[in-house]
C-alpha cells in the first residue's frame, strides 16, 4: 500500500498483529514536535490496549467494531488541567477555565492528532479517526477518569491494515482555496464543484437506497440532522460546563 498522504485511506479492519509499544511511543514522541500554543502542549493522550477497557469505550462510539478490534485505541484530549496544576504549584494564578482555553487546547490536540496520523501511516499503520468522540464526551470522561479541564476531542483506532479500501473522493482545490478574500459561491459554482461528487456511482447508489432525491438530502435528513446536531450540541455544552471550561448559569 502506498502510504503517502495523497493515497491515505481510513482503515477499519486490522490484523491480529500487535502494535509494538516501542514503535507507538516513538510515534507519540515524534508527534509531540507538532505546533502548540505558547509551547504549552495543551493535550494528553490516553492509550487503551486492554480488552475490557476497549469494550467499555465501545458504547461511547456507538459500538463501532474497530474500537474493540484494533490493537490500540488513542483518546486525545484537550488538557488544561496539567498546565493549571503546574501554575498552582508555582505561585501562579491560572485563568484557564473558559471557552477560549478550551479552543486553544482543542486546537493543540487536533494538531497533534493529525501529525500522529501522518507519522503512523508513513510506517504502514492503519488509522481510523472517530468523529463520535464529541458526541458522547461524558461517557468517555467517566470511562477514562478524566479530571476537570480535560475534554476528549479525538479518538484514533490504530493497527496493521487488514483491508485496502478505495480512496474517498475529494472536492477540487478551487472549492476550498480563496485568494486574498473569501469568494462566495454562486449556484453555478456549486453545480461545477459538487456535480462530479454527486455523479459517482457509489454516491448515486447512496441516494437511491436511502430513497432521497439528492446526496445533500442524505446528509441533512439522515446522517447529520438538525435535530441530532442541536441535541448533541447541548450535550457538548453541558459537558464543557461540567469540566469547568464554561461557567455555570
C-alpha atoms as a PDB file:
ATOM      1  CA  UNK A   1       0.000   0.000   0.000  1.00  0.00           C
ATOM      2  CA  UNK A   2       1.267   3.477  -0.918  1.00  0.00           C
ATOM      3  CA  UNK A   3       1.388   5.366   2.379  1.00  0.00           C
ATOM      4  CA  UNK A   4       1.722   8.908   1.022  1.00  0.00           C
ATOM      5  CA  UNK A   5      -0.870  11.479   2.076  1.00  0.00           C
ATOM      6  CA  UNK A   6      -2.308  11.501  -1.464  1.00  0.00           C
ATOM      7  CA  UNK A   7      -3.233   7.847  -1.073  1.00  0.00           C
ATOM      8  CA  UNK A   8      -4.363   7.764   2.549  1.00  0.00           C
ATOM      9  CA  UNK A   9      -7.307   5.560   3.402  1.00  0.00           C
ATOM     10  CA  UNK A  10      -9.414   5.154   6.512  1.00  0.00           C
ATOM     11  CA  UNK A  11      -8.720   1.667   7.883  1.00  0.00           C
ATOM     12  CA  UNK A  12     -11.459  -0.016   9.902  1.00  0.00           C
ATOM     13  CA  UNK A  13     -10.215  -3.619   9.776  1.00  0.00           C
ATOM     14  CA  UNK A  14      -6.944  -4.746  11.372  1.00  0.00           C
ATOM     15  CA  UNK A  15      -4.842  -7.872  11.549  1.00  0.00           C
ATOM     16  CA  UNK A  16      -4.255  -9.576  14.897  1.00  0.00           C
ATOM     17  CA  UNK A  17      -0.615  -8.402  14.910  1.00  0.00           C
ATOM     18  CA  UNK A  18       0.005  -6.146  17.929  1.00  0.00           C
ATOM     19  CA  UNK A  19       1.444  -2.665  17.664  1.00  0.00           C
ATOM     20  CA  UNK A  20       4.838  -2.708  19.364  1.00  0.00           C
ATOM     21  CA  UNK A  21       4.955  -0.424  22.393  1.00  0.00           C
ATOM     22  CA  UNK A  22       8.352   0.966  21.422  1.00  0.00           C
ATOM     23  CA  UNK A  23       7.058   1.894  17.947  1.00  0.00           C
ATOM     24  CA  UNK A  24       3.937   3.525  19.393  1.00  0.00           C
ATOM     25  CA  UNK A  25       5.966   5.526  21.905  1.00  0.00           C
ATOM     26  CA  UNK A  26       8.348   6.620  19.156  1.00  0.00           C
ATOM     27  CA  UNK A  27       5.445   7.886  17.060  1.00  0.00           C
ATOM     28  CA  UNK A  28       3.834   9.653  20.003  1.00  0.00           C
ATOM     29  CA  UNK A  29       7.107  11.305  20.982  1.00  0.00           C
ATOM     30  CA  UNK A  30       7.781  12.481  17.432  1.00  0.00           C
ATOM     31  CA  UNK A  31       4.234  13.812  17.081  1.00  0.00           C
ATOM     32  CA  UNK A  32       4.857  15.941  20.161  1.00  0.00           C
ATOM     33  CA  UNK A  33       7.093  18.117  17.982  1.00  0.00           C
ATOM     34  CA  UNK A  34       3.975  19.489  16.295  1.00  0.00           C
ATOM     35  CA  UNK A  35       2.856  23.103  16.644  1.00  0.00           C
ATOM     36  CA  UNK A  36       1.488  24.136  20.040  1.00  0.00           C
ATOM     37  CA  UNK A  37       0.206  27.375  21.580  1.00  0.00           C
ATOM     38  CA  UNK A  38       2.837  29.016  23.772  1.00  0.00           C
ATOM     39  CA  UNK A  39       4.805  25.744  23.815  1.00  0.00           C
ATOM     40  CA  UNK A  40       2.373  24.526  26.487  1.00  0.00           C
ATOM     41  CA  UNK A  41       1.342  21.258  24.757  1.00  0.00           C
ATOM     42  CA  UNK A  42      -2.271  21.545  25.847  1.00  0.00           C
ATOM     43  CA  UNK A  43      -3.237  17.917  25.223  1.00  0.00           C
ATOM     44  CA  UNK A  44      -2.975  14.463  26.730  1.00  0.00           C
ATOM     45  CA  UNK A  45      -3.301  11.030  25.143  1.00  0.00           C
ATOM     46  CA  UNK A  46      -4.919   8.028  26.812  1.00  0.00           C
ATOM     47  CA  UNK A  47      -3.617   4.775  25.322  1.00  0.00           C
ATOM     48  CA  UNK A  48      -6.052   1.863  25.548  1.00  0.00           C
ATOM     49  CA  UNK A  49      -4.860  -1.692  24.863  1.00  0.00           C
ATOM     50  CA  UNK A  50      -6.774  -3.655  27.494  1.00  0.00           C
ATOM     51  CA  UNK A  51      -9.659  -5.632  26.006  1.00  0.00           C
ATOM     52  CA  UNK A  52     -12.018  -4.843  28.881  1.00  0.00           C
ATOM     53  CA  UNK A  53     -11.300  -1.129  28.608  1.00  0.00           C
ATOM     54  CA  UNK A  54     -11.905  -1.203  24.851  1.00  0.00           C
ATOM     55  CA  UNK A  55     -15.242  -2.898  25.498  1.00  0.00           C
ATOM     56  CA  UNK A  56     -16.124  -0.120  27.941  1.00  0.00           C
ATOM     57  CA  UNK A  57     -15.198   2.518  25.368  1.00  0.00           C
ATOM     58  CA  UNK A  58     -17.134   0.852  22.569  1.00  0.00           C
ATOM     59  CA  UNK A  59     -20.616   2.152  23.579  1.00  0.00           C
ATOM     60  CA  UNK A  60     -19.163   5.666  23.741  1.00  0.00           C
ATOM     61  CA  UNK A  61     -18.618   5.314  19.983  1.00  0.00           C
ATOM     62  CA  UNK A  62     -21.983   3.701  19.243  1.00  0.00           C
ATOM     63  CA  UNK A  63     -20.493   0.197  19.136  1.00  0.00           C
ATOM     64  CA  UNK A  64     -18.336   0.740  16.053  1.00  0.00           C
ATOM     65  CA  UNK A  65     -16.460  -2.585  15.713  1.00  0.00           C
ATOM     66  CA  UNK A  66     -12.986  -1.131  15.135  1.00  0.00           C
ATOM     67  CA  UNK A  67     -12.910   0.128  18.735  1.00  0.00           C
ATOM     68  CA  UNK A  68     -12.702  -3.423  20.071  1.00  0.00           C
ATOM     69  CA  UNK A  69     -10.893  -4.956  17.097  1.00  0.00           C
ATOM     70  CA  UNK A  70      -7.981  -2.512  16.841  1.00  0.00           C
ATOM     71  CA  UNK A  71      -4.892  -3.359  18.907  1.00  0.00           C
ATOM     72  CA  UNK A  72      -4.684   0.223  20.173  1.00  0.00           C
ATOM     73  CA  UNK A  73      -7.216   2.978  20.794  1.00  0.00           C
ATOM     74  CA  UNK A  74      -5.930   6.504  21.398  1.00  0.00           C
ATOM     75  CA  UNK A  75      -8.145   9.128  23.016  1.00  0.00           C
ATOM     76  CA  UNK A  76      -6.664  12.570  22.500  1.00  0.00           C
ATOM     77  CA  UNK A  77      -7.837  15.180  24.980  1.00  0.00           C
ATOM     78  CA  UNK A  78      -7.757  18.950  25.218  1.00  0.00           C
ATOM     79  CA  UNK A  79      -5.985  19.310  28.553  1.00  0.00           C
ATOM     80  CA  UNK A  80      -5.616  22.475  30.595  1.00  0.00           C
ATOM     81  CA  UNK A  81      -5.669  20.501  33.855  1.00  0.00           C
ATOM     82  CA  UNK A  82      -1.952  19.699  33.778  1.00  0.00           C
ATOM     83  CA  UNK A  83      -0.965  23.296  32.977  1.00  0.00           C
ATOM     84  CA  UNK A  84      -3.310  24.593  35.667  1.00  0.00           C
ATOM     85  CA  UNK A  85      -1.740  22.252  38.239  1.00  0.00           C
ATOM     86  CA  UNK A  86       1.719  23.472  37.192  1.00  0.00           C
ATOM     87  CA  UNK A  87       0.637  27.073  37.704  1.00  0.00           C
ATOM     88  CA  UNK A  88      -0.859  26.289  41.097  1.00  0.00           C
ATOM     89  CA  UNK A  89       2.357  24.627  42.239  1.00  0.00           C
ATOM     90  CA  UNK A  90       4.473  27.586  41.042  1.00  0.00           C
ATOM     91  CA  UNK A  91       2.712  30.515  42.746  1.00  0.00           C
ATOM     92  CA  UNK A  92       0.883  31.491  39.537  1.00  0.00           C
ATOM     93  CA  UNK A  93      -2.844  32.229  39.263  1.00  0.00           C
ATOM     94  CA  UNK A  94      -4.288  30.229  36.296  1.00  0.00           C
ATOM     95  CA  UNK A  95      -7.265  31.613  34.385  1.00  0.00           C
ATOM     96  CA  UNK A  96      -7.961  28.752  32.009  1.00  0.00           C
ATOM     97  CA  UNK A  97     -11.485  27.664  32.985  1.00  0.00           C
ATOM     98  CA  UNK A  98     -13.112  29.304  29.973  1.00  0.00           C
ATOM     99  CA  UNK A  99     -14.124  28.731  26.361  1.00  0.00           C
ATOM    100  CA  UNK A 100     -11.049  30.361  24.831  1.00  0.00           C
ATOM    101  CA  UNK A 101      -8.806  27.999  26.775  1.00  0.00           C
ATOM    102  CA  UNK A 102     -10.796  25.009  25.570  1.00  0.00           C
ATOM    103  CA  UNK A 103     -10.476  26.146  21.953  1.00  0.00           C
ATOM    104  CA  UNK A 104      -6.732  26.646  22.372  1.00  0.00           C
ATOM    105  CA  UNK A 105      -6.332  23.210  23.942  1.00  0.00           C
ATOM    106  CA  UNK A 106      -8.598  21.558  21.359  1.00  0.00           C
ATOM    107  CA  UNK A 107      -6.538  23.124  18.549  1.00  0.00           C
ATOM    108  CA  UNK A 108      -3.340  21.790  20.130  1.00  0.00           C
ATOM    109  CA  UNK A 109      -4.896  18.344  20.493  1.00  0.00           C
ATOM    110  CA  UNK A 110      -6.108  18.183  16.901  1.00  0.00           C
ATOM    111  CA  UNK A 111      -2.771  19.371  15.514  1.00  0.00           C
ATOM    112  CA  UNK A 112      -1.089  16.600  17.480  1.00  0.00           C
ATOM    113  CA  UNK A 113      -3.672  14.111  16.228  1.00  0.00           C
ATOM    114  CA  UNK A 114      -3.060  14.904  12.562  1.00  0.00           C
ATOM    115  CA  UNK A 115       0.705  14.800  12.982  1.00  0.00           C
ATOM    116  CA  UNK A 116       0.464  11.403  14.657  1.00  0.00           C
ATOM    117  CA  UNK A 117      -1.747  10.094  11.852  1.00  0.00           C
ATOM    118  CA  UNK A 118       0.751  11.155   9.195  1.00  0.00           C
ATOM    119  CA  UNK A 119       3.657   9.589  11.062  1.00  0.00           C
ATOM    120  CA  UNK A 120       1.820   6.334  11.793  1.00  0.00           C
ATOM    121  CA  UNK A 121       0.641   5.916   8.210  1.00  0.00           C
ATOM    122  CA  UNK A 122       4.181   6.506   6.929  1.00  0.00           C
ATOM    123  CA  UNK A 123       5.202   3.476   8.999  1.00  0.00           C
ATOM    124  CA  UNK A 124       2.455   1.344   7.456  1.00  0.00           C
ATOM    125  CA  UNK A 125      -0.086   1.518  10.278  1.00  0.00           C
ATOM    126  CA  UNK A 126      -3.779   1.999   9.578  1.00  0.00           C
ATOM    127  CA  UNK A 127      -5.815   4.728  11.261  1.00  0.00           C
ATOM    128  CA  UNK A 128      -9.499   5.422  11.736  1.00  0.00           C
ATOM    129  CA  UNK A 129     -10.470   8.827  13.105  1.00  0.00           C
ATOM    130  CA  UNK A 130     -13.664   8.591  15.184  1.00  0.00           C
ATOM    131  CA  UNK A 131     -15.735  11.743  14.991  1.00  0.00           C
ATOM    132  CA  UNK A 132     -18.070  10.252  17.594  1.00  0.00           C
ATOM    133  CA  UNK A 133     -15.707  11.398  20.367  1.00  0.00           C
ATOM    134  CA  UNK A 134     -17.550  14.694  20.864  1.00  0.00           C
ATOM    135  CA  UNK A 135     -20.998  13.103  20.567  1.00  0.00           C
ATOM    136  CA  UNK A 136     -20.925  11.369  23.952  1.00  0.00           C
ATOM    137  CA  UNK A 137     -17.994  13.010  25.756  1.00  0.00           C
ATOM    138  CA  UNK A 138     -19.296  12.485  29.295  1.00  0.00           C
ATOM    139  CA  UNK A 139     -19.294   8.705  28.838  1.00  0.00           C
ATOM    140  CA  UNK A 140     -15.665   8.828  27.703  1.00  0.00           C
ATOM    141  CA  UNK A 141     -14.790  11.086  30.630  1.00  0.00           C
ATOM    142  CA  UNK A 142     -16.335   8.577  33.028  1.00  0.00           C
ATOM    143  CA  UNK A 143     -14.630   5.532  31.478  1.00  0.00           C
ATOM    144  CA  UNK A 144     -11.190   7.131  31.340  1.00  0.00           C
ATOM    145  CA  UNK A 145     -11.427   9.041  34.615  1.00  0.00           C
ATOM    146  CA  UNK A 146     -10.701  12.453  33.085  1.00  0.00           C
ATOM    147  CA  UNK A 147     -10.468  15.292  35.635  1.00  0.00           C
ATOM    148  CA  UNK A 148     -11.735  18.868  35.305  1.00  0.00           C
ATOM    149  CA  UNK A 149     -10.302  20.881  32.406  1.00  0.00           C
ATOM    150  CA  UNK A 150      -9.737  17.721  30.366  1.00  0.00           C
ATOM    151  CA  UNK A 151     -12.048  17.103  27.411  1.00  0.00           C
ATOM    152  CA  UNK A 152     -11.857  14.295  24.824  1.00  0.00           C
ATOM    153  CA  UNK A 153     -11.761  15.721  21.308  1.00  0.00           C
ATOM    154  CA  UNK A 154     -10.471  12.909  19.064  1.00  0.00           C
ATOM    155  CA  UNK A 155     -10.153   9.134  19.027  1.00  0.00           C
ATOM    156  CA  UNK A 156      -7.949   7.028  16.763  1.00  0.00           C
ATOM    157  CA  UNK A 157      -8.056   3.293  16.293  1.00  0.00           C
ATOM    158  CA  UNK A 158      -4.589   2.076  15.327  1.00  0.00           C
ATOM    159  CA  UNK A 159      -3.341  -1.217  13.913  1.00  0.00           C
ATOM    160  CA  UNK A 160      -1.895  -3.040  10.945  1.00  0.00           C
ATOM    161  CA  UNK A 161      -4.311  -2.853   7.986  1.00  0.00           C
ATOM    162  CA  UNK A 162      -6.348  -5.901   7.015  1.00  0.00           C
ATOM    163  CA  UNK A 163      -8.036  -4.135   4.099  1.00  0.00           C
ATOM    164  CA  UNK A 164      -7.265  -1.712   1.282  1.00  0.00           C
ATOM    165  CA  UNK A 165     -10.466   0.266   0.704  1.00  0.00           C
ATOM    166  CA  UNK A 166     -10.973   2.551  -2.257  1.00  0.00           C
ATOM    167  CA  UNK A 167      -9.819   6.132  -1.965  1.00  0.00           C
ATOM    168  CA  UNK A 168     -12.540   8.520  -0.832  1.00  0.00           C
ATOM    169  CA  UNK A 169     -13.457  11.300  -3.224  1.00  0.00           C
ATOM    170  CA  UNK A 170     -12.398  14.871  -2.516  1.00  0.00           C
ATOM    171  CA  UNK A 171     -13.644  18.231  -3.771  1.00  0.00           C
ATOM    172  CA  UNK A 172     -11.355  20.086  -6.199  1.00  0.00           C
ATOM    173  CA  UNK A 173      -8.829  22.579  -4.858  1.00  0.00           C
ATOM    174  CA  UNK A 174     -10.832  25.577  -6.077  1.00  0.00           C
ATOM    175  CA  UNK A 175     -13.715  24.564  -3.800  1.00  0.00           C
ATOM    176  CA  UNK A 176     -11.666  25.254  -0.674  1.00  0.00           C
ATOM    177  CA  UNK A 177      -8.994  27.803  -1.527  1.00  0.00           C
ATOM    178  CA  UNK A 178      -9.798  31.527  -1.658  1.00  0.00           C
ATOM    179  CA  UNK A 179      -7.237  34.058  -2.830  1.00  0.00           C
ATOM    180  CA  UNK A 180      -6.889  37.227  -0.744  1.00  0.00           C
ATOM    181  CA  UNK A 181     -10.565  37.352   0.354  1.00  0.00           C
ATOM    182  CA  UNK A 182     -13.397  34.858   0.666  1.00  0.00           C
ATOM    183  CA  UNK A 183     -15.328  34.458  -2.569  1.00  0.00           C
ATOM    184  CA  UNK A 184     -18.904  33.337  -2.032  1.00  0.00           C
ATOM    185  CA  UNK A 185     -20.407  30.560  -4.169  1.00  0.00           C
ATOM    186  CA  UNK A 186     -22.921  31.234  -6.914  1.00  0.00           C
ATOM    187  CA  UNK A 187     -25.291  28.465  -7.949  1.00  0.00           C
ATOM    188  CA  UNK A 188     -23.156  27.659 -10.986  1.00  0.00           C
ATOM    189  CA  UNK A 189     -20.116  27.318  -8.707  1.00  0.00           C
ATOM    190  CA  UNK A 190     -21.926  24.778  -6.532  1.00  0.00           C
ATOM    191  CA  UNK A 191     -23.030  22.879  -9.637  1.00  0.00           C
ATOM    192  CA  UNK A 192     -19.497  22.784 -11.027  1.00  0.00           C
ATOM    193  CA  UNK A 193     -17.849  21.816  -7.734  1.00  0.00           C
ATOM    194  CA  UNK A 194     -20.348  19.224  -6.478  1.00  0.00           C
ATOM    195  CA  UNK A 195     -21.770  17.555  -9.591  1.00  0.00           C
ATOM    196  CA  UNK A 196     -18.761  15.234 -10.094  1.00  0.00           C
ATOM    197  CA  UNK A 197     -19.130  14.057  -6.492  1.00  0.00           C
ATOM    198  CA  UNK A 198     -22.880  13.574  -6.899  1.00  0.00           C
ATOM    199  CA  UNK A 199     -22.415  11.553 -10.081  1.00  0.00           C
ATOM    200  CA  UNK A 200     -20.069   8.981  -8.587  1.00  0.00           C
ATOM    201  CA  UNK A 201     -21.763   5.541  -8.779  1.00  0.00           C
ATOM    202  CA  UNK A 202     -21.379   4.929  -5.047  1.00  0.00           C
ATOM    203  CA  UNK A 203     -22.992   8.260  -4.213  1.00  0.00           C
ATOM    204  CA  UNK A 204     -25.823   7.793  -6.695  1.00  0.00           C
ATOM    205  CA  UNK A 205     -26.468   4.405  -5.094  1.00  0.00           C
ATOM    206  CA  UNK A 206     -26.344   6.052  -1.670  1.00  0.00           C
ATOM    207  CA  UNK A 207     -29.151   8.391  -2.719  1.00  0.00           C
ATOM    208  CA  UNK A 208     -31.207   5.588  -4.221  1.00  0.00           C
ATOM    209  CA  UNK A 209     -31.052   3.150  -1.308  1.00  0.00           C
ATOM    210  CA  UNK A 210     -31.996   5.945   1.098  1.00  0.00           C
ATOM    211  CA  UNK A 211     -34.959   6.968  -1.080  1.00  0.00           C
ATOM    212  CA  UNK A 212     -33.825  10.568  -1.423  1.00  0.00           C
ATOM    213  CA  UNK A 213     -33.703  12.985  -4.350  1.00  0.00           C
ATOM    214  CA  UNK A 214     -30.205  14.376  -3.795  1.00  0.00           C
ATOM    215  CA  UNK A 215     -26.992  13.481  -1.999  1.00  0.00           C
ATOM    216  CA  UNK A 216     -27.339  16.618   0.109  1.00  0.00           C
ATOM    217  CA  UNK A 217     -30.652  15.311   1.460  1.00  0.00           C
ATOM    218  CA  UNK A 218     -28.915  12.163   2.688  1.00  0.00           C
ATOM    219  CA  UNK A 219     -26.748  14.362   4.899  1.00  0.00           C
ATOM    220  CA  UNK A 220     -29.443  16.784   6.067  1.00  0.00           C
ATOM    221  CA  UNK A 221     -32.253  14.260   6.535  1.00  0.00           C
ATOM    222  CA  UNK A 222     -30.409  11.140   7.690  1.00  0.00           C
ATOM    223  CA  UNK A 223     -26.744  11.473   8.600  1.00  0.00           C
ATOM    224  CA  UNK A 224     -26.358  14.870  10.292  1.00  0.00           C
ATOM    225  CA  UNK A 225     -29.832  16.143  11.029  1.00  0.00           C
ATOM    226  CA  UNK A 226     -30.782  19.442  12.651  1.00  0.00           C
ATOM    227  CA  UNK A 227     -32.450  17.541  15.497  1.00  0.00           C
ATOM    228  CA  UNK A 228     -29.339  15.471  16.251  1.00  0.00           C
ATOM    229  CA  UNK A 229     -26.989  18.429  15.850  1.00  0.00           C
ATOM    230  CA  UNK A 230     -28.963  20.528  18.303  1.00  0.00           C
ATOM    231  CA  UNK A 231     -29.282  17.714  20.839  1.00  0.00           C
ATOM    232  CA  UNK A 232     -25.589  16.809  20.650  1.00  0.00           C
ATOM    233  CA  UNK A 233     -24.634  20.485  20.829  1.00  0.00           C
ATOM    234  CA  UNK A 234     -26.462  20.703  24.153  1.00  0.00           C
ATOM    235  CA  UNK A 235     -24.629  17.589  25.370  1.00  0.00           C
ATOM    236  CA  UNK A 236     -21.331  19.219  24.390  1.00  0.00           C
ATOM    237  CA  UNK A 237     -22.197  22.470  26.166  1.00  0.00           C
ATOM    238  CA  UNK A 238     -23.273  20.601  29.304  1.00  0.00           C
ATOM    239  CA  UNK A 239     -20.062  18.563  29.325  1.00  0.00           C
ATOM    240  CA  UNK A 240     -17.855  21.614  28.802  1.00  0.00           C
ATOM    241  CA  UNK A 241     -19.639  23.195  31.740  1.00  0.00           C
ATOM    242  CA  UNK A 242     -19.164  20.135  33.978  1.00  0.00           C
ATOM    243  CA  UNK A 243     -15.470  20.024  33.007  1.00  0.00           C
ATOM    244  CA  UNK A 244     -15.203  23.717  34.007  1.00  0.00           C
ATOM    245  CA  UNK A 245     -14.449  25.067  30.541  1.00  0.00           C
ATOM    246  CA  UNK A 246     -17.733  27.002  30.699  1.00  0.00           C
ATOM    247  CA  UNK A 247     -19.084  28.838  33.696  1.00  0.00           C
ATOM    248  CA  UNK A 248     -22.459  27.892  35.112  1.00  0.00           C
ATOM    249  CA  UNK A 249     -25.612  29.931  34.651  1.00  0.00           C
END
